[in-house]
N, C-alpha and C. Protein backbone atom coordinates (compact mmCIF):
# COMPACT_ATOMS: atom_id res chain seq x y z
N MET A 1 0.85 -1.19 0.00
CA MET A 1 0.00 0.00 0.00
C MET A 1 0.88 1.24 0.00
N ALA A 2 0.52 2.21 -0.77
CA ALA A 2 1.29 3.45 -0.89
C ALA A 2 1.13 4.30 0.35
N THR A 3 2.13 5.12 0.59
CA THR A 3 2.04 6.04 1.71
C THR A 3 0.98 7.10 1.43
N THR A 4 0.32 7.53 2.50
CA THR A 4 -0.68 8.59 2.35
C THR A 4 -0.30 9.80 3.20
N THR A 5 0.95 9.83 3.65
CA THR A 5 1.43 10.93 4.46
C THR A 5 2.33 11.81 3.61
N PRO A 6 1.87 13.01 3.27
CA PRO A 6 2.69 13.88 2.43
C PRO A 6 3.84 14.49 3.22
N THR A 7 4.87 14.91 2.51
CA THR A 7 5.95 15.64 3.16
C THR A 7 5.43 17.02 3.55
N LYS A 8 5.97 17.57 4.62
CA LYS A 8 5.54 18.89 5.08
C LYS A 8 6.10 19.96 4.14
N ILE A 9 5.23 20.89 3.72
CA ILE A 9 5.65 21.98 2.84
C ILE A 9 5.02 23.27 3.36
N ALA A 10 5.87 24.27 3.62
CA ALA A 10 5.39 25.57 4.09
C ALA A 10 4.68 26.31 2.95
N PHE A 11 3.85 27.29 3.32
CA PHE A 11 3.05 28.03 2.34
C PHE A 11 3.93 28.68 1.27
N HIS A 12 5.03 29.30 1.67
CA HIS A 12 5.88 29.97 0.68
C HIS A 12 6.51 28.96 -0.28
N ARG A 13 6.77 27.74 0.18
CA ARG A 13 7.30 26.71 -0.71
C ARG A 13 6.22 26.24 -1.69
N LYS A 14 4.96 26.18 -1.21
CA LYS A 14 3.86 25.81 -2.11
C LYS A 14 3.76 26.83 -3.24
N ALA A 15 3.83 28.11 -2.88
CA ALA A 15 3.76 29.17 -3.90
C ALA A 15 4.93 29.02 -4.88
N TYR A 16 6.11 28.72 -4.36
CA TYR A 16 7.29 28.53 -5.21
C TYR A 16 7.07 27.35 -6.16
N PHE A 17 6.56 26.24 -5.65
CA PHE A 17 6.33 25.06 -6.49
C PHE A 17 5.27 25.34 -7.57
N LEU A 18 4.24 26.09 -7.23
CA LEU A 18 3.23 26.45 -8.23
C LEU A 18 3.84 27.35 -9.31
N PHE A 19 4.70 28.27 -8.90
CA PHE A 19 5.40 29.12 -9.86
C PHE A 19 6.23 28.26 -10.80
N LEU A 20 6.97 27.30 -10.23
CA LEU A 20 7.78 26.41 -11.06
C LEU A 20 6.91 25.59 -12.01
N LEU A 21 5.81 25.08 -11.50
CA LEU A 21 4.92 24.26 -12.32
C LEU A 21 4.45 25.02 -13.55
N ILE A 22 4.15 26.29 -13.39
CA ILE A 22 3.63 27.09 -14.49
C ILE A 22 4.74 27.61 -15.40
N PHE A 23 5.83 28.12 -14.80
CA PHE A 23 6.84 28.83 -15.59
C PHE A 23 8.13 28.05 -15.84
N ASN A 24 8.40 27.00 -15.06
CA ASN A 24 9.61 26.22 -15.25
C ASN A 24 9.32 24.75 -14.94
N PRO A 25 8.56 24.08 -15.80
CA PRO A 25 8.13 22.71 -15.51
C PRO A 25 9.29 21.72 -15.34
N GLN A 26 10.43 21.95 -16.01
CA GLN A 26 11.56 21.05 -15.84
C GLN A 26 12.08 21.09 -14.41
N LYS A 27 12.19 22.28 -13.86
CA LYS A 27 12.64 22.43 -12.47
C LYS A 27 11.62 21.81 -11.52
N PHE A 28 10.33 21.99 -11.82
CA PHE A 28 9.29 21.37 -10.99
C PHE A 28 9.45 19.85 -11.00
N ASP A 29 9.70 19.26 -12.17
CA ASP A 29 9.88 17.82 -12.27
C ASP A 29 11.06 17.35 -11.43
N GLU A 30 12.14 18.13 -11.41
CA GLU A 30 13.30 17.80 -10.57
C GLU A 30 12.92 17.81 -9.09
N GLU A 31 12.18 18.85 -8.70
CA GLU A 31 11.75 18.95 -7.30
C GLU A 31 10.82 17.79 -6.93
N GLU A 32 9.96 17.39 -7.87
CA GLU A 32 9.05 16.28 -7.59
C GLU A 32 9.81 14.97 -7.43
N LYS A 33 10.87 14.78 -8.22
CA LYS A 33 11.68 13.57 -8.08
C LYS A 33 12.33 13.52 -6.70
N LYS A 34 12.82 14.67 -6.22
CA LYS A 34 13.40 14.72 -4.87
C LYS A 34 12.36 14.37 -3.82
N ASP A 35 11.16 14.94 -3.98
CA ASP A 35 10.08 14.67 -3.03
C ASP A 35 9.65 13.21 -3.08
N ASN A 36 9.62 12.62 -4.27
CA ASN A 36 9.25 11.21 -4.41
C ASN A 36 10.24 10.29 -3.70
N LYS A 37 11.53 10.65 -3.73
CA LYS A 37 12.53 9.85 -3.00
C LYS A 37 12.23 9.85 -1.51
N ILE A 38 11.85 11.02 -0.99
CA ILE A 38 11.50 11.12 0.44
C ILE A 38 10.26 10.28 0.72
N LEU A 39 9.26 10.35 -0.16
CA LEU A 39 8.03 9.57 0.03
C LEU A 39 8.31 8.07 0.02
N ARG A 40 9.16 7.63 -0.90
CA ARG A 40 9.47 6.20 -0.99
C ARG A 40 10.21 5.70 0.25
N ALA A 41 10.96 6.58 0.87
CA ALA A 41 11.72 6.20 2.06
C ALA A 41 10.84 6.08 3.30
N GLN A 42 9.65 6.68 3.25
CA GLN A 42 8.75 6.60 4.40
C GLN A 42 8.25 5.17 4.58
N LYS A 43 8.16 4.78 5.82
CA LYS A 43 7.64 3.46 6.13
C LYS A 43 6.15 3.56 6.41
N HIS A 44 5.39 2.66 5.80
CA HIS A 44 3.94 2.63 6.02
C HIS A 44 3.63 1.42 6.89
N ASP A 45 2.93 1.63 7.99
CA ASP A 45 2.54 0.55 8.88
C ASP A 45 1.09 0.20 8.60
N PRO A 46 0.85 -0.92 7.89
CA PRO A 46 -0.53 -1.27 7.54
C PRO A 46 -1.39 -1.65 8.75
N THR A 47 -0.73 -1.94 9.88
CA THR A 47 -1.50 -2.31 11.08
C THR A 47 -1.97 -1.08 11.86
N LYS A 48 -1.40 0.08 11.54
CA LYS A 48 -1.79 1.32 12.22
C LYS A 48 -3.18 1.72 11.75
N PRO A 49 -4.13 1.83 12.67
CA PRO A 49 -5.50 2.17 12.26
C PRO A 49 -5.60 3.62 11.77
N ILE A 50 -6.45 3.82 10.77
CA ILE A 50 -6.69 5.14 10.23
C ILE A 50 -8.06 5.60 10.71
N ASN A 51 -8.11 6.73 11.38
CA ASN A 51 -9.37 7.28 11.88
C ASN A 51 -9.98 8.13 10.77
N ARG A 52 -10.74 7.48 9.91
CA ARG A 52 -11.30 8.16 8.75
C ARG A 52 -12.31 9.24 9.13
N SER A 53 -13.09 9.00 10.17
CA SER A 53 -14.08 10.01 10.56
C SER A 53 -13.39 11.28 11.04
N LYS A 54 -12.25 11.14 11.71
CA LYS A 54 -11.51 12.32 12.14
C LYS A 54 -10.95 13.07 10.95
N ILE A 55 -10.44 12.35 9.97
CA ILE A 55 -9.90 12.97 8.76
C ILE A 55 -10.99 13.74 8.02
N ILE A 56 -12.17 13.12 7.89
CA ILE A 56 -13.28 13.77 7.20
C ILE A 56 -13.74 15.01 7.96
N ARG A 57 -13.88 14.89 9.29
CA ARG A 57 -14.34 16.03 10.09
C ARG A 57 -13.34 17.18 10.05
N LEU A 58 -12.04 16.87 10.13
CA LEU A 58 -11.03 17.92 10.04
C LEU A 58 -11.04 18.59 8.67
N GLY A 59 -11.21 17.80 7.61
CA GLY A 59 -11.30 18.35 6.27
C GLY A 59 -12.51 19.27 6.13
N LEU A 60 -13.63 18.86 6.70
CA LEU A 60 -14.84 19.69 6.66
C LEU A 60 -14.64 20.99 7.43
N LEU A 61 -14.02 20.90 8.59
CA LEU A 61 -13.74 22.09 9.40
C LEU A 61 -12.78 23.03 8.68
N ASN A 62 -11.72 22.47 8.11
CA ASN A 62 -10.74 23.30 7.39
C ASN A 62 -11.37 23.98 6.18
N SER A 63 -12.19 23.25 5.43
CA SER A 63 -12.82 23.86 4.26
C SER A 63 -13.81 24.94 4.67
N PHE A 64 -14.50 24.77 5.80
CA PHE A 64 -15.41 25.81 6.29
C PHE A 64 -14.62 27.06 6.69
N ALA A 65 -13.46 26.86 7.32
CA ALA A 65 -12.63 28.00 7.72
C ALA A 65 -12.14 28.77 6.48
N VAL A 66 -11.76 28.06 5.44
CA VAL A 66 -11.33 28.71 4.19
C VAL A 66 -12.50 29.46 3.58
N PHE A 67 -13.68 28.85 3.59
CA PHE A 67 -14.89 29.51 3.06
C PHE A 67 -15.16 30.81 3.81
N VAL A 68 -15.17 30.76 5.14
CA VAL A 68 -15.45 31.95 5.95
C VAL A 68 -14.41 33.04 5.69
N ALA A 69 -13.14 32.65 5.65
CA ALA A 69 -12.07 33.62 5.40
C ALA A 69 -12.20 34.25 4.01
N THR A 70 -12.51 33.45 3.00
CA THR A 70 -12.62 33.95 1.64
C THR A 70 -13.80 34.91 1.49
N VAL A 71 -14.94 34.53 2.04
CA VAL A 71 -16.12 35.39 1.94
C VAL A 71 -15.92 36.67 2.74
N THR A 72 -15.33 36.56 3.92
CA THR A 72 -15.05 37.75 4.73
C THR A 72 -14.11 38.69 3.99
N TRP A 73 -13.07 38.14 3.40
CA TRP A 73 -12.12 38.92 2.61
C TRP A 73 -12.84 39.58 1.44
N GLY A 74 -13.74 38.86 0.79
CA GLY A 74 -14.50 39.42 -0.33
C GLY A 74 -15.42 40.55 0.09
N ILE A 75 -16.09 40.39 1.23
CA ILE A 75 -16.99 41.44 1.72
C ILE A 75 -16.21 42.69 2.07
N ILE A 76 -15.11 42.53 2.79
CA ILE A 76 -14.28 43.68 3.17
C ILE A 76 -13.72 44.36 1.92
N SER A 77 -13.21 43.55 0.98
CA SER A 77 -12.69 44.12 -0.27
C SER A 77 -13.78 44.86 -1.03
N GLY A 78 -14.97 44.28 -1.08
CA GLY A 78 -16.09 44.91 -1.77
C GLY A 78 -16.47 46.24 -1.16
N PHE A 79 -16.50 46.30 0.17
CA PHE A 79 -16.81 47.56 0.85
C PHE A 79 -15.75 48.62 0.56
N VAL A 80 -14.48 48.23 0.65
CA VAL A 80 -13.39 49.18 0.43
C VAL A 80 -13.41 49.70 -1.01
N ILE A 81 -13.51 48.81 -1.98
CA ILE A 81 -13.51 49.22 -3.38
C ILE A 81 -14.76 50.04 -3.70
N SER A 82 -15.90 49.62 -3.18
CA SER A 82 -17.14 50.36 -3.41
C SER A 82 -17.07 51.76 -2.81
N TYR A 83 -16.45 51.88 -1.64
CA TYR A 83 -16.30 53.18 -1.00
C TYR A 83 -15.42 54.11 -1.84
N TRP A 84 -14.33 53.56 -2.38
CA TRP A 84 -13.42 54.36 -3.21
C TRP A 84 -14.08 54.80 -4.51
N MET A 85 -14.87 53.93 -5.11
CA MET A 85 -15.43 54.24 -6.42
C MET A 85 -16.65 55.14 -6.33
N GLN A 86 -17.53 54.92 -5.41
CA GLN A 86 -18.72 55.72 -5.17
C GLN A 86 -19.43 56.13 -6.46
N SER A 87 -19.69 55.18 -7.32
CA SER A 87 -20.41 55.45 -8.55
C SER A 87 -21.27 54.24 -8.87
N ASP A 88 -21.90 54.26 -10.03
CA ASP A 88 -22.70 53.11 -10.45
C ASP A 88 -21.77 51.92 -10.68
N ASN A 89 -21.97 50.90 -9.89
CA ASN A 89 -21.07 49.76 -9.93
C ASN A 89 -21.66 48.56 -10.66
N SER A 90 -22.77 48.72 -11.36
CA SER A 90 -23.46 47.57 -11.94
C SER A 90 -22.60 46.84 -12.98
N LYS A 91 -21.86 47.57 -13.80
CA LYS A 91 -21.02 46.92 -14.82
C LYS A 91 -19.84 46.20 -14.17
N ILE A 92 -19.22 46.85 -13.19
CA ILE A 92 -18.10 46.22 -12.49
C ILE A 92 -18.59 45.00 -11.73
N SER A 93 -19.75 45.14 -11.10
CA SER A 93 -20.33 44.02 -10.37
C SER A 93 -20.58 42.83 -11.29
N ALA A 94 -21.18 43.08 -12.42
CA ALA A 94 -21.46 42.01 -13.38
C ALA A 94 -20.17 41.37 -13.87
N LEU A 95 -19.17 42.19 -14.16
CA LEU A 95 -17.88 41.67 -14.64
C LEU A 95 -17.22 40.78 -13.57
N LEU A 96 -17.22 41.24 -12.32
CA LEU A 96 -16.63 40.44 -11.24
C LEU A 96 -17.36 39.12 -11.04
N ILE A 97 -18.68 39.17 -11.11
CA ILE A 97 -19.46 37.94 -10.94
C ILE A 97 -19.21 36.98 -12.09
N ILE A 98 -19.13 37.50 -13.30
CA ILE A 98 -18.86 36.63 -14.46
C ILE A 98 -17.47 36.02 -14.37
N ILE A 99 -16.46 36.83 -14.05
CA ILE A 99 -15.09 36.30 -13.93
C ILE A 99 -15.01 35.31 -12.77
N GLY A 100 -15.62 35.66 -11.65
CA GLY A 100 -15.61 34.75 -10.50
C GLY A 100 -16.28 33.42 -10.83
N GLY A 101 -17.42 33.48 -11.50
CA GLY A 101 -18.10 32.25 -11.92
C GLY A 101 -17.25 31.44 -12.88
N GLY A 102 -16.57 32.14 -13.79
CA GLY A 102 -15.68 31.46 -14.73
C GLY A 102 -14.54 30.75 -14.01
N LEU A 103 -13.98 31.40 -13.00
CA LEU A 103 -12.90 30.76 -12.22
C LEU A 103 -13.40 29.54 -11.47
N LEU A 104 -14.61 29.63 -10.91
CA LEU A 104 -15.18 28.46 -10.22
C LEU A 104 -15.39 27.31 -11.20
N LEU A 105 -15.89 27.63 -12.39
CA LEU A 105 -16.11 26.61 -13.40
C LEU A 105 -14.78 26.00 -13.85
N TRP A 106 -13.79 26.85 -14.08
CA TRP A 106 -12.47 26.38 -14.49
C TRP A 106 -11.89 25.44 -13.43
N ALA A 107 -11.97 25.85 -12.16
CA ALA A 107 -11.44 25.02 -11.07
C ALA A 107 -12.16 23.68 -11.02
N THR A 108 -13.48 23.71 -11.17
CA THR A 108 -14.26 22.48 -11.10
C THR A 108 -13.90 21.54 -12.25
N PHE A 109 -13.83 22.07 -13.46
CA PHE A 109 -13.49 21.21 -14.59
C PHE A 109 -12.06 20.69 -14.49
N SER A 110 -11.15 21.49 -13.98
CA SER A 110 -9.77 21.01 -13.86
C SER A 110 -9.68 19.89 -12.83
N GLU A 111 -10.45 19.99 -11.78
CA GLU A 111 -10.45 18.93 -10.75
C GLU A 111 -11.14 17.68 -11.28
N ARG A 112 -12.20 17.83 -12.04
CA ARG A 112 -12.90 16.68 -12.60
C ARG A 112 -12.01 15.96 -13.62
N GLY A 113 -11.13 16.68 -14.26
CA GLY A 113 -10.25 16.07 -15.25
C GLY A 113 -8.94 15.58 -14.65
N TRP A 114 -8.87 15.52 -13.34
CA TRP A 114 -7.64 15.15 -12.65
C TRP A 114 -7.32 13.69 -12.90
N ALA A 115 -6.28 13.42 -13.66
CA ALA A 115 -5.95 12.05 -14.02
C ALA A 115 -4.51 11.71 -13.65
N ILE A 116 -3.96 12.38 -12.65
CA ILE A 116 -2.54 12.16 -12.35
C ILE A 116 -2.31 11.39 -11.06
N GLN A 117 -3.38 10.97 -10.36
CA GLN A 117 -3.18 10.30 -9.08
C GLN A 117 -2.45 8.99 -9.29
N SER A 118 -1.35 8.84 -8.56
CA SER A 118 -0.56 7.64 -8.73
C SER A 118 0.06 7.16 -7.43
N PHE A 119 0.13 8.01 -6.42
CA PHE A 119 0.89 7.68 -5.23
C PHE A 119 0.09 8.02 -3.97
N GLY A 120 -1.20 7.78 -3.99
CA GLY A 120 -2.02 8.05 -2.81
C GLY A 120 -2.33 9.52 -2.61
N GLY A 121 -2.13 10.35 -3.63
CA GLY A 121 -2.45 11.77 -3.52
C GLY A 121 -1.42 12.60 -2.80
N VAL A 122 -0.20 12.09 -2.60
CA VAL A 122 0.78 12.83 -1.81
C VAL A 122 2.01 13.29 -2.60
N THR A 123 2.09 12.97 -3.90
CA THR A 123 3.23 13.46 -4.66
C THR A 123 3.10 14.96 -4.88
N LEU A 124 4.20 15.59 -5.21
CA LEU A 124 4.22 17.03 -5.40
C LEU A 124 3.26 17.45 -6.51
N GLY A 125 3.23 16.70 -7.60
CA GLY A 125 2.33 17.02 -8.71
C GLY A 125 0.86 16.90 -8.31
N GLU A 126 0.53 15.86 -7.57
CA GLU A 126 -0.85 15.67 -7.11
C GLU A 126 -1.26 16.79 -6.17
N ARG A 127 -0.37 17.15 -5.28
CA ARG A 127 -0.67 18.21 -4.32
C ARG A 127 -0.75 19.57 -5.00
N ALA A 128 0.12 19.82 -6.00
CA ALA A 128 0.07 21.08 -6.74
C ALA A 128 -1.27 21.21 -7.46
N SER A 129 -1.77 20.09 -7.99
CA SER A 129 -3.08 20.11 -8.64
C SER A 129 -4.16 20.54 -7.65
N LYS A 130 -4.08 20.04 -6.43
CA LYS A 130 -5.05 20.43 -5.40
C LYS A 130 -4.89 21.91 -5.02
N TRP A 131 -3.65 22.38 -4.93
CA TRP A 131 -3.41 23.79 -4.58
C TRP A 131 -3.99 24.70 -5.65
N ILE A 132 -3.81 24.32 -6.93
CA ILE A 132 -4.35 25.12 -8.01
C ILE A 132 -5.88 25.15 -7.92
N PHE A 133 -6.49 24.00 -7.70
CA PHE A 133 -7.95 23.92 -7.58
C PHE A 133 -8.44 24.82 -6.46
N ARG A 134 -7.82 24.71 -5.30
CA ARG A 134 -8.26 25.51 -4.15
C ARG A 134 -8.05 26.99 -4.39
N SER A 135 -6.92 27.35 -5.00
CA SER A 135 -6.63 28.77 -5.27
C SER A 135 -7.65 29.36 -6.24
N LEU A 136 -7.93 28.65 -7.32
CA LEU A 136 -8.91 29.13 -8.29
C LEU A 136 -10.30 29.24 -7.65
N PHE A 137 -10.64 28.27 -6.85
CA PHE A 137 -11.96 28.28 -6.22
C PHE A 137 -12.09 29.45 -5.25
N CYS A 138 -11.05 29.67 -4.43
CA CYS A 138 -11.09 30.80 -3.48
C CYS A 138 -11.12 32.13 -4.22
N LEU A 139 -10.32 32.27 -5.27
CA LEU A 139 -10.29 33.50 -6.05
C LEU A 139 -11.66 33.76 -6.69
N GLY A 140 -12.27 32.73 -7.25
CA GLY A 140 -13.59 32.88 -7.86
C GLY A 140 -14.64 33.27 -6.83
N THR A 141 -14.61 32.64 -5.67
CA THR A 141 -15.56 32.97 -4.61
C THR A 141 -15.36 34.40 -4.13
N TRP A 142 -14.10 34.80 -3.98
CA TRP A 142 -13.78 36.15 -3.54
C TRP A 142 -14.32 37.18 -4.54
N MET A 143 -14.09 36.94 -5.84
CA MET A 143 -14.54 37.89 -6.85
C MET A 143 -16.07 37.96 -6.92
N MET A 144 -16.73 36.82 -6.77
CA MET A 144 -18.19 36.82 -6.79
C MET A 144 -18.75 37.55 -5.56
N THR A 145 -18.07 37.42 -4.43
CA THR A 145 -18.52 38.12 -3.22
C THR A 145 -18.36 39.63 -3.38
N ILE A 146 -17.25 40.06 -3.95
CA ILE A 146 -17.06 41.49 -4.21
C ILE A 146 -18.16 41.98 -5.16
N GLY A 147 -18.42 41.22 -6.21
CA GLY A 147 -19.48 41.58 -7.15
C GLY A 147 -20.84 41.68 -6.48
N ALA A 148 -21.11 40.78 -5.55
CA ALA A 148 -22.39 40.82 -4.83
C ALA A 148 -22.48 42.07 -3.96
N VAL A 149 -21.39 42.42 -3.28
CA VAL A 149 -21.37 43.64 -2.46
C VAL A 149 -21.58 44.86 -3.34
N PHE A 150 -20.92 44.89 -4.49
CA PHE A 150 -21.10 46.00 -5.44
C PHE A 150 -22.55 46.10 -5.88
N SER A 151 -23.15 44.97 -6.21
CA SER A 151 -24.50 45.01 -6.77
C SER A 151 -25.53 45.53 -5.76
N VAL A 152 -25.27 45.30 -4.50
CA VAL A 152 -26.19 45.78 -3.47
C VAL A 152 -26.01 47.27 -3.25
N GLY A 153 -24.79 47.75 -3.38
CA GLY A 153 -24.51 49.19 -3.24
C GLY A 153 -24.68 49.70 -1.83
N TRP A 154 -24.32 48.87 -0.84
CA TRP A 154 -24.47 49.26 0.56
C TRP A 154 -23.76 50.57 0.88
N ILE A 155 -22.56 50.73 0.39
CA ILE A 155 -21.79 51.92 0.72
C ILE A 155 -22.43 53.16 0.11
N ASN A 156 -22.75 53.11 -1.16
CA ASN A 156 -23.32 54.27 -1.85
C ASN A 156 -24.66 54.70 -1.26
N SER A 157 -25.51 53.73 -0.89
CA SER A 157 -26.82 54.09 -0.35
C SER A 157 -26.71 54.69 1.04
N SER A 158 -25.71 54.32 1.80
CA SER A 158 -25.55 54.88 3.14
C SER A 158 -24.90 56.26 3.10
N LEU A 159 -24.21 56.60 2.00
CA LEU A 159 -23.56 57.90 1.88
C LEU A 159 -24.54 58.97 1.42
N ASN A 160 -25.63 58.59 0.77
CA ASN A 160 -26.58 59.57 0.24
C ASN A 160 -27.62 59.98 1.25
């Protein structure tokens, strides 16, 4: 059975690996080979029980925290931008909602087309695919939230 424990990677290293994946794929492949050596060296104990309910609950909690943070960031950004612009925001709102929806669709289709799983979901390439999906999804949600704040015009109506 393959290992399901990924190597620890700090946020700034994730950003670096995504940059390499997009702009220098050869270097990314080298980094993935190094990471694969570390993964292969890990010992997997098949007798060690896996608490699947804990994993699912933690994943649900983490995704809810990301959702709350993204929407909060979108609302605050929407208020700030709306305050600065103080004009008819309907076109900007529509554009943000369309782009945000497009990013959500792109993220969803890219995840549905994910055909690279080979090592229990812990290789650098597999994890980078997940990081891209999550980044696109958060960016799309953020943009749609800003668009929603714009469309309501809370700031402009309170200033008049």
